[in-house]
Amino acid sequence: MERWIQKSTLIGVALSIDHLGHLPALMSIYNDKVADVKYHGGMMGRLSFDSNVEAGVFLENKRNWENMFKWLRLGKELDNIQFERVAWIRIVGLPIKYWSEHIFLKLQEALE
């Protein structure tokens, strides 16, 4: 695991499942320095850069990532990375008028 979590790797928690699902496209639109974007478990994404300088510059400028991530850190700084999973559930019979992030969060809380 140590070989792919280097100084040139950033790991962060996406703002939403939509952000996480579209992270590669979002990164290609907003930044041309990101060499690779990978799913990292749970709500986390991993950004790899060609150099640690590019990773540092990207991290320091919050405008690069604040609309996509709750937080972003150098991969090397994260000693104990918790690997989580995202589960998809199928909800049958929920009227479209109730489809909102607020309602889905309430359903999530009931399942936890």
PDB file of N, CA and C in Angstrom:
ATOM      1  N   MET A   1       0.822  -1.183   0.000  1.00  0.00           N
ATOM      2  CA  MET A   1       0.000   0.000   0.000  1.00  0.00           C
ATOM      3  C   MET A   1       0.873   1.255   0.000  1.00  0.00           C
ATOM      4  N   GLU A   2       2.018   1.178   0.641  1.00  0.00           N
ATOM      5  CA  GLU A   2       2.887   2.345   0.763  1.00  0.00           C
ATOM      6  C   GLU A   2       3.364   2.855  -0.591  1.00  0.00           C
ATOM      7  N   ARG A   3       3.508   1.965  -1.569  1.00  0.00           N
ATOM      8  CA  ARG A   3       4.072   2.416  -2.842  1.00  0.00           C
ATOM      9  C   ARG A   3       3.117   3.306  -3.628  1.00  0.00           C
ATOM     10  N   TRP A   4       1.784   3.187  -3.442  1.00  0.00           N
ATOM     11  CA  TRP A   4       0.877   4.068  -4.175  1.00  0.00           C
ATOM     12  C   TRP A   4       0.366   5.224  -3.337  1.00  0.00           C
ATOM     13  N   ILE A   5       0.684   5.238  -2.051  1.00  0.00           N
ATOM     14  CA  ILE A   5       0.376   6.418  -1.236  1.00  0.00           C
ATOM     15  C   ILE A   5       1.701   7.133  -1.013  1.00  0.00           C
ATOM     16  N   GLN A   6       1.952   8.099  -1.865  1.00  0.00           N
ATOM     17  CA  GLN A   6       3.216   8.811  -1.850  1.00  0.00           C
ATOM     18  C   GLN A   6       2.970  10.294  -1.656  1.00  0.00           C
ATOM     19  N   LYS A   7       4.034  11.068  -1.723  1.00  0.00           N
ATOM     20  CA  LYS A   7       3.913  12.522  -1.619  1.00  0.00           C
ATOM     21  C   LYS A   7       3.085  13.097  -2.756  1.00  0.00           C
ATOM     22  N   SER A   8       3.054  12.415  -3.880  1.00  0.00           N
ATOM     23  CA  SER A   8       2.333  12.936  -5.045  1.00  0.00           C
ATOM     24  C   SER A   8       0.886  12.441  -5.102  1.00  0.00           C
ATOM     25  N   THR A   9       0.389  11.883  -3.995  1.00  0.00           N
ATOM     26  CA  THR A   9      -0.973  11.360  -3.928  1.00  0.00           C
ATOM     27  C   THR A   9      -1.785  12.143  -2.904  1.00  0.00           C
ATOM     28  N   LEU A  10      -3.004  12.538  -3.295  1.00  0.00           N
ATOM     29  CA  LEU A  10      -3.928  13.200  -2.380  1.00  0.00           C
ATOM     30  C   LEU A  10      -5.146  12.309  -2.197  1.00  0.00           C
ATOM     31  N   ILE A  11      -5.649  12.253  -0.970  1.00  0.00           N
ATOM     32  CA  ILE A  11      -6.843  11.470  -0.669  1.00  0.00           C
ATOM     33  C   ILE A  11      -7.837  12.390   0.019  1.00  0.00           C
ATOM     34  N   GLY A  12      -9.103  12.301  -0.402  1.00  0.00           N
ATOM     35  CA  GLY A  12     -10.117  13.155   0.196  1.00  0.00           C
ATOM     36  C   GLY A  12     -11.488  12.520   0.183  1.00  0.00           C
ATOM     37  N   VAL A  13     -12.388  13.129   0.967  1.00  0.00           N
ATOM     38  CA  VAL A  13     -13.776  12.680   1.048  1.00  0.00           C
ATOM     39  C   VAL A  13     -14.624  13.562   0.149  1.00  0.00           C
ATOM     40  N   ALA A  14     -15.332  12.937  -0.780  1.00  0.00           N
ATOM     41  CA  ALA A  14     -16.187  13.668  -1.718  1.00  0.00           C
ATOM     42  C   ALA A  14     -17.384  14.273  -0.988  1.00  0.00           C
ATOM     43  N   LEU A  15     -17.890  15.380  -1.512  1.00  0.00           N
ATOM     44  CA  LEU A  15     -19.035  16.057  -0.915  1.00  0.00           C
ATOM     45  C   LEU A  15     -20.312  15.232  -1.006  1.00  0.00           C
ATOM     46  N   SER A  16     -20.461  14.456  -2.059  1.00  0.00           N
ATOM     47  CA  SER A  16     -21.666  13.645  -2.237  1.00  0.00           C
ATOM     48  C   SER A  16     -21.342  12.451  -3.127  1.00  0.00           C
ATOM     49  N   ILE A  17     -22.280  11.535  -3.200  1.00  0.00           N
ATOM     50  CA  ILE A  17     -22.094  10.368  -4.067  1.00  0.00           C
ATOM     51  C   ILE A  17     -22.045  10.795  -5.531  1.00  0.00           C
ATOM     52  N   ASP A  18     -22.769  11.868  -5.869  1.00  0.00           N
ATOM     53  CA  ASP A  18     -22.717  12.389  -7.240  1.00  0.00           C
ATOM     54  C   ASP A  18     -21.325  12.915  -7.567  1.00  0.00           C
ATOM     55  N   HIS A  19     -20.733  13.653  -6.635  1.00  0.00           N
ATOM     56  CA  HIS A  19     -19.370  14.148  -6.847  1.00  0.00           C
ATOM     57  C   HIS A  19     -18.402  12.978  -7.013  1.00  0.00           C
ATOM     58  N   LEU A  20     -18.566  11.969  -6.162  1.00  0.00           N
ATOM     59  CA  LEU A  20     -17.679  10.810  -6.216  1.00  0.00           C
ATOM     60  C   LEU A  20     -17.795  10.085  -7.553  1.00  0.00           C
ATOM     61  N   GLY A  21     -19.020   9.909  -8.021  1.00  0.00           N
ATOM     62  CA  GLY A  21     -19.237   9.209  -9.282  1.00  0.00           C
ATOM     63  C   GLY A  21     -18.724   9.950 -10.500  1.00  0.00           C
ATOM     64  N   HIS A  22     -18.676  11.264 -10.407  1.00  0.00           N
ATOM     65  CA  HIS A  22     -18.230  12.076 -11.540  1.00  0.00           C
ATOM     66  C   HIS A  22     -16.835  12.670 -11.324  1.00  0.00           C
ATOM     67  N   LEU A  23     -16.135  12.198 -10.318  1.00  0.00           N
ATOM     68  CA  LEU A  23     -14.827  12.765  -9.978  1.00  0.00           C
ATOM     69  C   LEU A  23     -13.830  12.777 -11.137  1.00  0.00           C
ATOM     70  N   PRO A  24     -13.669  11.690 -11.896  1.00  0.00           N
ATOM     71  CA  PRO A  24     -12.716  11.757 -13.013  1.00  0.00           C
ATOM     72  C   PRO A  24     -13.060  12.857 -14.020  1.00  0.00           C
ATOM     73  N   ALA A  25     -14.342  12.987 -14.358  1.00  0.00           N
ATOM     74  CA  ALA A  25     -14.752  14.028 -15.314  1.00  0.00           C
ATOM     75  C   ALA A  25     -14.557  15.419 -14.721  1.00  0.00           C
ATOM     76  N   LEU A  26     -14.926  15.591 -13.447  1.00  0.00           N
ATOM     77  CA  LEU A  26     -14.766  16.896 -12.799  1.00  0.00           C
ATOM     78  C   LEU A  26     -13.301  17.310 -12.750  1.00  0.00           C
ATOM     79  N   MET A  27     -12.430  16.370 -12.432  1.00  0.00           N
ATOM     80  CA  MET A  27     -11.005  16.696 -12.352  1.00  0.00           C
ATOM     81  C   MET A  27     -10.453  17.051 -13.728  1.00  0.00           C
ATOM     82  N   SER A  28     -10.918  16.391 -14.772  1.00  0.00           N
ATOM     83  CA  SER A  28     -10.418  16.712 -16.114  1.00  0.00           C
ATOM     84  C   SER A  28     -10.904  18.081 -16.573  1.00  0.00           C
ATOM     85  N   ILE A  29     -12.064  18.508 -16.085  1.00  0.00           N
ATOM     86  CA  ILE A  29     -12.590  19.828 -16.446  1.00  0.00           C
ATOM     87  C   ILE A  29     -11.850  20.933 -15.701  1.00  0.00           C
ATOM     88  N   TYR A  30     -11.649  20.741 -14.399  1.00  0.00           N
ATOM     89  CA  TYR A  30     -11.137  21.819 -13.557  1.00  0.00           C
ATOM     90  C   TYR A  30      -9.627  21.828 -13.363  1.00  0.00           C
ATOM     91  N   ASN A  31      -8.946  20.751 -13.702  1.00  0.00           N
ATOM     92  CA  ASN A  31      -7.505  20.730 -13.481  1.00  0.00           C
ATOM     93  C   ASN A  31      -6.848  19.766 -14.452  1.00  0.00           C
ATOM     94  N   ASP A  32      -5.814  20.224 -15.118  1.00  0.00           N
ATOM     95  CA  ASP A  32      -5.117  19.364 -16.082  1.00  0.00           C
ATOM     96  C   ASP A  32      -3.858  18.731 -15.496  1.00  0.00           C
ATOM     97  N   LYS A  33      -3.580  18.967 -14.220  1.00  0.00           N
ATOM     98  CA  LYS A  33      -2.367  18.434 -13.593  1.00  0.00           C
ATOM     99  C   LYS A  33      -2.574  17.072 -12.948  1.00  0.00           C
ATOM    100  N   VAL A  34      -3.833  16.664 -12.738  1.00  0.00           N
ATOM    101  CA  VAL A  34      -4.104  15.378 -12.101  1.00  0.00           C
ATOM    102  C   VAL A  34      -3.838  14.265 -13.110  1.00  0.00           C
ATOM    103  N   ALA A  35      -2.919  13.370 -12.763  1.00  0.00           N
ATOM    104  CA  ALA A  35      -2.548  12.290 -13.676  1.00  0.00           C
ATOM    105  C   ALA A  35      -3.526  11.122 -13.612  1.00  0.00           C
ATOM    106  N   ASP A  36      -4.098  10.873 -12.424  1.00  0.00           N
ATOM    107  CA  ASP A  36      -4.959   9.705 -12.265  1.00  0.00           C
ATOM    108  C   ASP A  36      -5.953   9.945 -11.128  1.00  0.00           C
ATOM    109  N   VAL A  37      -7.184   9.491 -11.313  1.00  0.00           N
ATOM    110  CA  VAL A  37      -8.235   9.602 -10.296  1.00  0.00           C
ATOM    111  C   VAL A  37      -8.785   8.206 -10.057  1.00  0.00           C
ATOM    112  N   LYS A  38      -8.815   7.783  -8.792  1.00  0.00           N
ATOM    113  CA  LYS A  38      -9.303   6.440  -8.457  1.00  0.00           C
ATOM    114  C   LYS A  38     -10.276   6.512  -7.285  1.00  0.00           C
ATOM    115  N   TYR A  39     -11.204   5.565  -7.262  1.00  0.00           N
ATOM    116  CA  TYR A  39     -12.081   5.372  -6.109  1.00  0.00           C
ATOM    117  C   TYR A  39     -11.246   4.745  -5.009  1.00  0.00           C
ATOM    118  N   HIS A  40     -11.417   5.224  -3.773  1.00  0.00           N
ATOM    119  CA  HIS A  40     -10.559   4.767  -2.684  1.00  0.00           C
ATOM    120  C   HIS A  40     -11.346   4.118  -1.543  1.00  0.00           C
ATOM    121  N   GLY A  41     -12.628   3.864  -1.756  1.00  0.00           N
ATOM    122  CA  GLY A  41     -13.439   3.237  -0.717  1.00  0.00           C
ATOM    123  C   GLY A  41     -14.314   4.249  -0.012  1.00  0.00           C
ATOM    124  N   GLY A  42     -15.508   3.832   0.368  1.00  0.00           N
ATOM    125  CA  GLY A  42     -16.428   4.742   1.038  1.00  0.00           C
ATOM    126  C   GLY A  42     -16.718   5.939   0.163  1.00  0.00           C
ATOM    127  N   MET A  43     -16.557   7.109   0.711  1.00  0.00           N
ATOM    128  CA  MET A  43     -16.761   8.351  -0.040  1.00  0.00           C
ATOM    129  C   MET A  43     -15.425   8.967  -0.454  1.00  0.00           C
ATOM    130  N   MET A  44     -14.349   8.182  -0.389  1.00  0.00           N
ATOM    131  CA  MET A  44     -13.020   8.723  -0.657  1.00  0.00           C
ATOM    132  C   MET A  44     -12.575   8.524  -2.100  1.00  0.00           C
ATOM    133  N   GLY A  45     -11.851   9.524  -2.573  1.00  0.00           N
ATOM    134  CA  GLY A  45     -11.223   9.469  -3.876  1.00  0.00           C
ATOM    135  C   GLY A  45      -9.736   9.717  -3.725  1.00  0.00           C
ATOM    136  N   ARG A  46      -8.967   9.182  -4.661  1.00  0.00           N
ATOM    137  CA  ARG A  46      -7.513   9.347  -4.626  1.00  0.00           C
ATOM    138  C   ARG A  46      -7.070  10.034  -5.900  1.00  0.00           C
ATOM    139  N   LEU A  47      -6.316  11.109  -5.747  1.00  0.00           N
ATOM    140  CA  LEU A  47      -5.776  11.856  -6.873  1.00  0.00           C
ATOM    141  C   LEU A  47      -4.271  11.642  -6.913  1.00  0.00           C
ATOM    142  N   SER A  48      -3.763  11.231  -8.049  1.00  0.00           N
ATOM    143  CA  SER A  48      -2.320  11.044  -8.203  1.00  0.00           C
ATOM    144  C   SER A  48      -1.792  12.078  -9.182  1.00  0.00           C
ATOM    145  N   PHE A  49      -0.638  12.609  -8.871  1.00  0.00           N
ATOM    146  CA  PHE A  49       0.012  13.629  -9.689  1.00  0.00           C
ATOM    147  C   PHE A  49       1.367  13.110 -10.142  1.00  0.00           C
ATOM    148  N   ASP A  50       1.913  13.738 -11.169  1.00  0.00           N
ATOM    149  CA  ASP A  50       3.225  13.335 -11.674  1.00  0.00           C
ATOM    150  C   ASP A  50       4.351  13.724 -10.724  1.00  0.00           C
ATOM    151  N   SER A  51       4.135  14.749  -9.902  1.00  0.00           N
ATOM    152  CA  SER A  51       5.178  15.161  -8.960  1.00  0.00           C
ATOM    153  C   SER A  51       4.552  15.637  -7.659  1.00  0.00           C
ATOM    154  N   ASN A  52       5.366  15.621  -6.602  1.00  0.00           N
ATOM    155  CA  ASN A  52       4.869  16.103  -5.314  1.00  0.00           C
ATOM    156  C   ASN A  52       4.665  17.617  -5.327  1.00  0.00           C
ATOM    157  N   VAL A  53       5.370  18.328  -6.186  1.00  0.00           N
ATOM    158  CA  VAL A  53       5.179  19.779  -6.312  1.00  0.00           C
ATOM    159  C   VAL A  53       3.783  20.074  -6.859  1.00  0.00           C
ATOM    160  N   GLU A  54       3.380  19.362  -7.909  1.00  0.00           N
ATOM    161  CA  GLU A  54       2.039  19.551  -8.478  1.00  0.00           C
ATOM    162  C   GLU A  54       0.959  19.213  -7.456  1.00  0.00           C
ATOM    163  N   ALA A  55       1.166  18.148  -6.686  1.00  0.00           N
ATOM    164  CA  ALA A  55       0.198  17.765  -5.652  1.00  0.00           C
ATOM    165  C   ALA A  55       0.098  18.852  -4.587  1.00  0.00           C
ATOM    166  N   GLY A  56       1.231  19.388  -4.166  1.00  0.00           N
ATOM    167  CA  GLY A  56       1.241  20.443  -3.153  1.00  0.00           C
ATOM    168  C   GLY A  56       0.565  21.716  -3.618  1.00  0.00           C
ATOM    169  N   VAL A  57       0.826  22.111  -4.851  1.00  0.00           N
ATOM    170  CA  VAL A  57       0.202  23.317  -5.414  1.00  0.00           C
ATOM    171  C   VAL A  57      -1.307  23.129  -5.502  1.00  0.00           C
ATOM    172  N   PHE A  58      -1.751  21.964  -5.955  1.00  0.00           N
ATOM    173  CA  PHE A  58      -3.180  21.675  -6.054  1.00  0.00           C
ATOM    174  C   PHE A  58      -3.831  21.723  -4.672  1.00  0.00           C
ATOM    175  N   LEU A  59      -3.197  21.122  -3.679  1.00  0.00           N
ATOM    176  CA  LEU A  59      -3.736  21.064  -2.320  1.00  0.00           C
ATOM    177  C   LEU A  59      -3.824  22.445  -1.680  1.00  0.00           C
ATOM    178  N   GLU A  60      -2.817  23.273  -1.876  1.00  0.00           N
ATOM    179  CA  GLU A  60      -2.780  24.604  -1.259  1.00  0.00           C
ATOM    180  C   GLU A  60      -3.865  25.532  -1.785  1.00  0.00           C
ATOM    181  N   ASN A  61      -4.240  25.385  -3.041  1.00  0.00           N
ATOM    182  CA  ASN A  61      -5.269  26.240  -3.630  1.00  0.00           C
ATOM    183  C   ASN A  61      -6.631  25.568  -3.468  1.00  0.00           C
ATOM    184  N   LYS A  62      -7.342  25.931  -2.385  1.00  0.00           N
ATOM    185  CA  LYS A  62      -8.634  25.294  -2.077  1.00  0.00           C
ATOM    186  C   LYS A  62      -9.657  25.448  -3.196  1.00  0.00           C
ATOM    187  N   ARG A  63      -9.514  26.478  -4.015  1.00  0.00           N
ATOM    188  CA  ARG A  63     -10.466  26.660  -5.119  1.00  0.00           C
ATOM    189  C   ARG A  63     -10.397  25.498  -6.106  1.00  0.00           C
ATOM    190  N   ASN A  64      -9.276  24.780  -6.121  1.00  0.00           N
ATOM    191  CA  ASN A  64      -9.143  23.612  -6.997  1.00  0.00           C
ATOM    192  C   ASN A  64     -10.089  22.488  -6.602  1.00  0.00           C
ATOM    193  N   TRP A  65     -10.363  22.369  -5.297  1.00  0.00           N
ATOM    194  CA  TRP A  65     -11.052  21.166  -4.836  1.00  0.00           C
ATOM    195  C   TRP A  65     -12.213  21.378  -3.872  1.00  0.00           C
ATOM    196  N   GLU A  66     -12.435  22.569  -3.345  1.00  0.00           N
ATOM    197  CA  GLU A  66     -13.449  22.752  -2.305  1.00  0.00           C
ATOM    198  C   GLU A  66     -14.879  22.498  -2.779  1.00  0.00           C
ATOM    199  N   ASN A  67     -15.130  22.522  -4.076  1.00  0.00           N
ATOM    200  CA  ASN A  67     -16.466  22.231  -4.593  1.00  0.00           C
ATOM    201  C   ASN A  67     -16.680  20.745  -4.866  1.00  0.00           C
ATOM    202  N   MET A  68     -15.661  19.927  -4.589  1.00  0.00           N
ATOM    203  CA  MET A  68     -15.759  18.487  -4.831  1.00  0.00           C
ATOM    204  C   MET A  68     -15.481  17.646  -3.594  1.00  0.00           C
ATOM    205  N   PHE A  69     -14.651  18.179  -2.675  1.00  0.00           N
ATOM    206  CA  PHE A  69     -14.225  17.411  -1.504  1.00  0.00           C
ATOM    207  C   PHE A  69     -14.548  18.132  -0.201  1.00  0.00           C
ATOM    208  N   LYS A  70     -14.885  17.353   0.838  1.00  0.00           N
ATOM    209  CA  LYS A  70     -15.032  17.907   2.188  1.00  0.00           C
ATOM    210  C   LYS A  70     -13.655  18.262   2.730  1.00  0.00           C
ATOM    211  N   TRP A  71     -12.707  17.365   2.514  1.00  0.00           N
ATOM    212  CA  TRP A  71     -11.319  17.604   2.897  1.00  0.00           C
ATOM    213  C   TRP A  71     -10.416  16.828   1.944  1.00  0.00           C
ATOM    214  N   LEU A  72      -9.181  17.267   1.896  1.00  0.00           N
ATOM    215  CA  LEU A  72      -8.180  16.649   1.021  1.00  0.00           C
ATOM    216  C   LEU A  72      -6.845  16.696   1.745  1.00  0.00           C
ATOM    217  N   ARG A  73      -6.132  15.579   1.777  1.00  0.00           N
ATOM    218  CA  ARG A  73      -4.847  15.504   2.475  1.00  0.00           C
ATOM    219  C   ARG A  73      -3.836  14.748   1.613  1.00  0.00           C
ATOM    220  N   LEU A  74      -2.571  14.987   1.903  1.00  0.00           N
ATOM    221  CA  LEU A  74      -1.521  14.187   1.274  1.00  0.00           C
ATOM    222  C   LEU A  74      -1.670  12.748   1.745  1.00  0.00           C
ATOM    223  N   GLY A  75      -1.609  11.811   0.828  1.00  0.00           N
ATOM    224  CA  GLY A  75      -1.777  10.409   1.174  1.00  0.00           C
ATOM    225  C   GLY A  75      -0.788   9.934   2.216  1.00  0.00           C
ATOM    226  N   LYS A  76       0.408  10.459   2.168  1.00  0.00           N
ATOM    227  CA  LYS A  76       1.449  10.042   3.102  1.00  0.00           C
ATOM    228  C   LYS A  76       1.140  10.470   4.538  1.00  0.00           C
ATOM    229  N   GLU A  77       0.311  11.512   4.699  1.00  0.00           N
ATOM    230  CA  GLU A  77      -0.039  12.006   6.037  1.00  0.00           C
ATOM    231  C   GLU A  77      -1.092  11.143   6.719  1.00  0.00           C
ATOM    232  N   LEU A  78      -1.771  10.311   5.975  1.00  0.00           N
ATOM    233  CA  LEU A  78      -2.855   9.494   6.523  1.00  0.00           C
ATOM    234  C   LEU A  78      -2.321   8.124   6.904  1.00  0.00           C
ATOM    235  N   ASP A  79      -2.018   7.945   8.177  1.00  0.00           N
ATOM    236  CA  ASP A  79      -1.441   6.683   8.640  1.00  0.00           C
ATOM    237  C   ASP A  79      -2.436   5.527   8.585  1.00  0.00           C
ATOM    238  N   ASN A  80      -3.593   5.734   9.182  1.00  0.00           N
ATOM    239  CA  ASN A  80      -4.596   4.677   9.275  1.00  0.00           C
ATOM    240  C   ASN A  80      -5.789   5.011   8.415  1.00  0.00           C
ATOM    241  N   ILE A  81      -5.741   4.635   7.176  1.00  0.00           N
ATOM    242  CA  ILE A  81      -6.856   4.909   6.280  1.00  0.00           C
ATOM    243  C   ILE A  81      -7.907   3.825   6.488  1.00  0.00           C
ATOM    244  N   GLN A  82      -9.103   4.251   6.831  1.00  0.00           N
ATOM    245  CA  GLN A  82     -10.218   3.325   7.001  1.00  0.00           C
ATOM    246  C   GLN A  82     -10.847   3.064   5.636  1.00  0.00           C
ATOM    247  N   PHE A  83     -10.866   1.830   5.216  1.00  0.00           N
ATOM    248  CA  PHE A  83     -11.513   1.482   3.957  1.00  0.00           C
ATOM    249  C   PHE A  83     -12.966   1.137   4.238  1.00  0.00           C
ATOM    250  N   GLU A  84     -13.857   1.860   3.604  1.00  0.00           N
ATOM    251  CA  GLU A  84     -15.285   1.635   3.773  1.00  0.00           C
ATOM    252  C   GLU A  84     -15.872   1.216   2.435  1.00  0.00           C
ATOM    253  N   ARG A  85     -17.136   0.899   2.456  1.00  0.00           N
ATOM    254  CA  ARG A  85     -17.838   0.536   1.228  1.00  0.00           C
ATOM    255  C   ARG A  85     -19.064   1.415   1.073  1.00  0.00           C
ATOM    256  N   VAL A  86     -19.448   1.591  -0.158  1.00  0.00           N
ATOM    257  CA  VAL A  86     -20.693   2.281  -0.473  1.00  0.00           C
ATOM    258  C   VAL A  86     -21.670   1.214  -0.933  1.00  0.00           C
ATOM    259  N   ALA A  87     -22.864   1.233  -0.379  1.00  0.00           N
ATOM    260  CA  ALA A  87     -23.884   0.258  -0.762  1.00  0.00           C
ATOM    261  C   ALA A  87     -25.008   0.967  -1.496  1.00  0.00           C
ATOM    262  N   TRP A  88     -25.483   0.337  -2.528  1.00  0.00           N
ATOM    263  CA  TRP A  88     -26.631   0.849  -3.266  1.00  0.00           C
ATOM    264  C   TRP A  88     -27.844   0.061  -2.808  1.00  0.00           C
ATOM    265  N   ILE A  89     -28.913   0.762  -2.526  1.00  0.00           N
ATOM    266  CA  ILE A  89     -30.150   0.077  -2.181  1.00  0.00           C
ATOM    267  C   ILE A  89     -31.224   0.471  -3.187  1.00  0.00           C
ATOM    268  N   ARG A  90     -32.152  -0.428  -3.375  1.00  0.00           N
ATOM    269  CA  ARG A  90     -33.249  -0.157  -4.295  1.00  0.00           C
ATOM    270  C   ARG A  90     -34.495   0.129  -3.466  1.00  0.00           C
ATOM    271  N   ILE A  91     -35.067   1.285  -3.671  1.00  0.00           N
ATOM    272  CA  ILE A  91     -36.266   1.679  -2.946  1.00  0.00           C
ATOM    273  C   ILE A  91     -37.425   1.648  -3.930  1.00  0.00           C
ATOM    274  N   VAL A  92     -38.368   0.777  -3.676  1.00  0.00           N
ATOM    275  CA  VAL A  92     -39.518   0.618  -4.560  1.00  0.00           C
ATOM    276  C   VAL A  92     -40.726   1.300  -3.919  1.00  0.00           C
ATOM    277  N   GLY A  93     -41.425   2.091  -4.702  1.00  0.00           N
ATOM    278  CA  GLY A  93     -42.662   2.696  -4.227  1.00  0.00           C
ATOM    279  C   GLY A  93     -42.526   4.079  -3.630  1.00  0.00           C
ATOM    280  N   LEU A  94     -41.342   4.671  -3.669  1.00  0.00           N
ATOM    281  CA  LEU A  94     -41.166   6.030  -3.154  1.00  0.00           C
ATOM    282  C   LEU A  94     -41.533   7.010  -4.266  1.00  0.00           C
ATOM    283  N   PRO A  95     -42.594   7.789  -4.073  1.00  0.00           N
ATOM    284  CA  PRO A  95     -42.999   8.738  -5.117  1.00  0.00           C
ATOM    285  C   PRO A  95     -41.881   9.727  -5.455  1.00  0.00           C
ATOM    286  N   ILE A  96     -41.803  10.095  -6.707  1.00  0.00           N
ATOM    287  CA  ILE A  96     -40.742  10.988  -7.180  1.00  0.00           C
ATOM    288  C   ILE A  96     -40.726  12.303  -6.408  1.00  0.00           C
ATOM    289  N   LYS A  97     -41.878  12.791  -5.987  1.00  0.00           N
ATOM    290  CA  LYS A  97     -41.911  14.072  -5.268  1.00  0.00           C
ATOM    291  C   LYS A  97     -41.134  14.010  -3.952  1.00  0.00           C
ATOM    292  N   TYR A  98     -40.856  12.801  -3.448  1.00  0.00           N
ATOM    293  CA  TYR A  98     -40.077  12.655  -2.217  1.00  0.00           C
ATOM    294  C   TYR A  98     -38.600  12.361  -2.478  1.00  0.00           C
ATOM    295  N   TRP A  99     -38.185  12.357  -3.727  1.00  0.00           N
ATOM    296  CA  TRP A  99     -36.787  12.112  -4.045  1.00  0.00           C
ATOM    297  C   TRP A  99     -35.993  13.383  -3.783  1.00  0.00           C
ATOM    298  N   SER A 100     -35.332  13.433  -2.681  1.00  0.00           N
ATOM    299  CA  SER A 100     -34.470  14.573  -2.363  1.00  0.00           C
ATOM    300  C   SER A 100     -33.349  14.071  -1.460  1.00  0.00           C
ATOM    301  N   GLU A 101     -32.299  14.827  -1.413  1.00  0.00           N
ATOM    302  CA  GLU A 101     -31.174  14.432  -0.570  1.00  0.00           C
ATOM    303  C   GLU A 101     -31.605  14.354   0.890  1.00  0.00           C
ATOM    304  N   HIS A 102     -32.485  15.264   1.306  1.00  0.00           N
ATOM    305  CA  HIS A 102     -32.984  15.274   2.686  1.00  0.00           C
ATOM    306  C   HIS A 102     -33.685  13.948   3.027  1.00  0.00           C
ATOM    307  N   ILE A 103     -34.564  13.492   2.159  1.00  0.00           N
ATOM    308  CA  ILE A 103     -35.297  12.240   2.390  1.00  0.00           C
ATOM    309  C   ILE A 103     -34.346  11.044   2.378  1.00  0.00           C
ATOM    310  N   PHE A 104     -33.412  11.029   1.437  1.00  0.00           N
ATOM    311  CA  PHE A 104     -32.479   9.911   1.367  1.00  0.00           C
ATOM    312  C   PHE A 104     -31.566   9.869   2.590  1.00  0.00           C
ATOM    313  N   LEU A 105     -31.210  11.034   3.131  1.00  0.00           N
ATOM    314  CA  LEU A 105     -30.415  11.056   4.364  1.00  0.00           C
ATOM    315  C   LEU A 105     -31.221  10.506   5.535  1.00  0.00           C
ATOM    316  N   LYS A 106     -32.507  10.816   5.586  1.00  0.00           N
ATOM    317  CA  LYS A 106     -33.382  10.265   6.635  1.00  0.00           C
ATOM    318  C   LYS A 106     -33.446   8.733   6.529  1.00  0.00           C
ATOM    319  N   LEU A 107     -33.565   8.225   5.315  1.00  0.00           N
ATOM    320  CA  LEU A 107     -33.572   6.776   5.112  1.00  0.00           C
ATOM    321  C   LEU A 107     -32.245   6.158   5.535  1.00  0.00           C
ATOM    322  N   GLN A 108     -31.157   6.828   5.216  1.00  0.00           N
ATOM    323  CA  GLN A 108     -29.830   6.344   5.601  1.00  0.00           C
ATOM    324  C   GLN A 108     -29.711   6.271   7.114  1.00  0.00           C
ATOM    325  N   GLU A 109     -30.160   7.320   7.810  1.00  0.00           N
ATOM    326  CA  GLU A 109     -30.098   7.337   9.274  1.00  0.00           C
ATOM    327  C   GLU A 109     -30.897   6.184   9.870  1.00  0.00           C
ATOM    328  N   ALA A 110     -32.033   5.870   9.272  1.00  0.00           N
ATOM    329  CA  ALA A 110     -32.860   4.770   9.772  1.00  0.00           C
ATOM    330  C   ALA A 110     -32.168   3.418   9.600  1.00  0.00           C
ATOM    331  N   LEU A 111     -31.305   3.301   8.599  1.00  0.00           N
ATOM    332  CA  LEU A 111     -30.618   2.038   8.336  1.00  0.00           C
ATOM    333  C   LEU A 111     -29.331   1.871   9.140  1.00  0.00           C
ATOM    334  N   GLU A 112     -28.824   2.944   9.703  1.00  0.00           N
ATOM    335  CA  GLU A 112     -27.541   2.860  10.432  1.00  0.00           C
ATOM    336  C   GLU A 112     -27.703   2.275  11.811  1.00  0.00           C
TER     337      GLU A 112
END
